[in-house]
Amino acid sequence: MASMILASWGWGVWWLALMAVHVWPDWSPSTDVLWWISCLFAVPGLCLGLFSFRAHRVWLLLVTVPVLANVSLLSLPLYLDAARRVLAL
């Protein structure tokens, strides 16, 4: 549960930045700064998720969601770079 809470806080950093850009269009935070702030939540969340795996199938299903949420948060800069390249075409 703590792993998913940390993933939610990490994603909240990105969503709050997007809402702030929508309200104040002149203000644009650096994606590197946003990524580092969200990593403060994603790395401990990923560690908690990996350490909470059990041998039962139900635990594998339950823990997969927060682990994937934290992994997607850590890999977000890769997606952003790919999206920038596609939009530049």
C-alpha atoms as a PDB file:
ATOM      1  CA  MET A   1       0.000   0.000   0.000  1.00  0.00           C
ATOM      2  CA  ALA A   2       2.834   2.402   0.797  1.00  0.00           C
ATOM      3  CA  SER A   3       4.340   1.688  -2.612  1.00  0.00           C
ATOM      4  CA  MET A   4       1.166   2.832  -4.378  1.00  0.00           C
ATOM      5  CA  ILE A   5       0.912   5.896  -2.151  1.00  0.00           C
ATOM      6  CA  LEU A   6       4.438   6.911  -3.139  1.00  0.00           C
ATOM      7  CA  ALA A   7       3.646   6.296  -6.816  1.00  0.00           C
ATOM      8  CA  SER A   8       0.563   8.491  -6.485  1.00  0.00           C
ATOM      9  CA  TRP A   9       2.619  11.273  -4.921  1.00  0.00           C
ATOM     10  CA  GLY A  10       5.165  11.001  -7.740  1.00  0.00           C
ATOM     11  CA  TRP A  11       2.483  11.196 -10.408  1.00  0.00           C
ATOM     12  CA  GLY A  12       0.913  14.056  -8.471  1.00  0.00           C
ATOM     13  CA  VAL A  13       4.076  16.083  -9.047  1.00  0.00           C
ATOM     14  CA  TRP A  14       3.604  15.778 -12.817  1.00  0.00           C
ATOM     15  CA  TRP A  15      -0.133  16.452 -12.747  1.00  0.00           C
ATOM     16  CA  LEU A  16       0.252  19.496 -10.518  1.00  0.00           C
ATOM     17  CA  ALA A  17       2.890  20.865 -12.893  1.00  0.00           C
ATOM     18  CA  LEU A  18       0.547  20.316 -15.855  1.00  0.00           C
ATOM     19  CA  MET A  19      -2.287  22.100 -14.058  1.00  0.00           C
ATOM     20  CA  ALA A  20       0.037  24.964 -13.115  1.00  0.00           C
ATOM     21  CA  VAL A  21       1.120  25.355 -16.748  1.00  0.00           C
ATOM     22  CA  HIS A  22      -2.539  25.419 -17.748  1.00  0.00           C
ATOM     23  CA  VAL A  23      -3.303  28.169 -15.208  1.00  0.00           C
ATOM     24  CA  TRP A  24      -0.066  30.131 -15.741  1.00  0.00           C
ATOM     25  CA  PRO A  25       1.000  29.510 -19.382  1.00  0.00           C
ATOM     26  CA  ASP A  26       4.173  31.605 -19.045  1.00  0.00           C
ATOM     27  CA  TRP A  27       5.484  29.369 -16.291  1.00  0.00           C
ATOM     28  CA  SER A  28       7.043  26.160 -17.515  1.00  0.00           C
ATOM     29  CA  PRO A  29       8.979  23.919 -15.125  1.00  0.00           C
ATOM     30  CA  SER A  30      11.914  21.907 -16.355  1.00  0.00           C
ATOM     31  CA  THR A  31      11.131  18.261 -17.000  1.00  0.00           C
ATOM     32  CA  ASP A  32      14.450  17.356 -15.380  1.00  0.00           C
ATOM     33  CA  VAL A  33      13.425  19.060 -12.137  1.00  0.00           C
ATOM     34  CA  LEU A  34      10.027  17.378 -12.218  1.00  0.00           C
ATOM     35  CA  TRP A  35      11.644  14.003 -12.862  1.00  0.00           C
ATOM     36  CA  TRP A  36      14.082  14.370  -9.962  1.00  0.00           C
ATOM     37  CA  ILE A  37      11.301  15.421  -7.590  1.00  0.00           C
ATOM     38  CA  SER A  38       9.137  12.496  -8.672  1.00  0.00           C
ATOM     39  CA  CYS A  39      12.118  10.145  -8.298  1.00  0.00           C
ATOM     40  CA  LEU A  40      12.181  11.024  -4.603  1.00  0.00           C
ATOM     41  CA  PHE A  41       8.855   9.192  -4.403  1.00  0.00           C
ATOM     42  CA  ALA A  42       9.317   6.564  -7.131  1.00  0.00           C
ATOM     43  CA  VAL A  43      12.581   4.975  -5.985  1.00  0.00           C
ATOM     44  CA  PRO A  44      11.455   4.203  -2.415  1.00  0.00           C
ATOM     45  CA  GLY A  45       8.068   3.125  -3.779  1.00  0.00           C
ATOM     46  CA  LEU A  46       9.722   0.722  -6.196  1.00  0.00           C
ATOM     47  CA  CYS A  47      11.919  -0.696  -3.435  1.00  0.00           C
ATOM     48  CA  LEU A  48       8.907  -1.189  -1.164  1.00  0.00           C
ATOM     49  CA  GLY A  49       7.007  -2.865  -3.980  1.00  0.00           C
ATOM     50  CA  LEU A  50       9.843  -5.231  -4.837  1.00  0.00           C
ATOM     51  CA  PHE A  51      10.414  -6.168  -1.196  1.00  0.00           C
ATOM     52  CA  SER A  52       6.728  -6.927  -0.665  1.00  0.00           C
ATOM     53  CA  PHE A  53       6.549  -9.778  -3.196  1.00  0.00           C
ATOM     54  CA  ARG A  54       5.355 -13.036  -1.682  1.00  0.00           C
ATOM     55  CA  ALA A  55       5.232 -16.524  -3.102  1.00  0.00           C
ATOM     56  CA  HIS A  56       1.457 -16.531  -3.529  1.00  0.00           C
ATOM     57  CA  ARG A  57      -0.147 -15.720  -6.865  1.00  0.00           C
ATOM     58  CA  VAL A  58      -2.505 -13.192  -5.318  1.00  0.00           C
ATOM     59  CA  TRP A  59       0.432 -11.175  -3.992  1.00  0.00           C
ATOM     60  CA  LEU A  60       2.040 -11.187  -7.425  1.00  0.00           C
ATOM     61  CA  LEU A  61      -1.092  -9.627  -8.889  1.00  0.00           C
ATOM     62  CA  LEU A  62      -1.498  -7.101  -6.077  1.00  0.00           C
ATOM     63  CA  VAL A  63       2.112  -5.934  -6.075  1.00  0.00           C
ATOM     64  CA  THR A  64       2.420  -5.695  -9.855  1.00  0.00           C
ATOM     65  CA  VAL A  65       0.262  -2.554 -10.027  1.00  0.00           C
ATOM     66  CA  PRO A  66       2.385  -0.335  -7.737  1.00  0.00           C
ATOM     67  CA  VAL A  67       5.631  -1.721  -9.143  1.00  0.00           C
ATOM     68  CA  LEU A  68       4.548  -0.875 -12.690  1.00  0.00           C
ATOM     69  CA  ALA A  69       3.312   2.551 -11.567  1.00  0.00           C
ATOM     70  CA  ASN A  70       6.718   3.340 -10.080  1.00  0.00           C
ATOM     71  CA  VAL A  71       8.615   1.919 -13.067  1.00  0.00           C
ATOM     72  CA  SER A  72       6.522   3.998 -15.468  1.00  0.00           C
ATOM     73  CA  LEU A  73       7.245   7.054 -13.351  1.00  0.00           C
ATOM     74  CA  LEU A  74      10.981   6.405 -13.538  1.00  0.00           C
ATOM     75  CA  SER A  75      10.867   5.808 -17.301  1.00  0.00           C
ATOM     76  CA  LEU A  76       8.739   8.885 -18.056  1.00  0.00           C
ATOM     77  CA  PRO A  77      11.668  10.913 -19.521  1.00  0.00           C
ATOM     78  CA  LEU A  78      12.102   8.240 -22.196  1.00  0.00           C
ATOM     79  CA  TYR A  79       8.459   8.643 -23.203  1.00  0.00           C
ATOM     80  CA  LEU A  80       8.724  12.427 -23.190  1.00  0.00           C
ATOM     81  CA  ASP A  81      11.779  12.365 -25.461  1.00  0.00           C
ATOM     82  CA  ALA A  82      10.010  10.026 -27.878  1.00  0.00           C
ATOM     83  CA  ALA A  83       6.910  12.245 -27.861  1.00  0.00           C
ATOM     84  CA  ARG A  84       9.016  15.327 -28.594  1.00  0.00           C
ATOM     85  CA  ARG A  85      10.637  13.584 -31.553  1.00  0.00           C
ATOM     86  CA  VAL A  86       7.262  12.479 -32.930  1.00  0.00           C
ATOM     87  CA  LEU A  87       5.742  15.938 -32.530  1.00  0.00           C
ATOM     88  CA  ALA A  88       8.763  17.523 -34.215  1.00  0.00           C
ATOM     89  CA  LEU A  89       8.126  15.540 -37.413  1.00  0.00           C
END
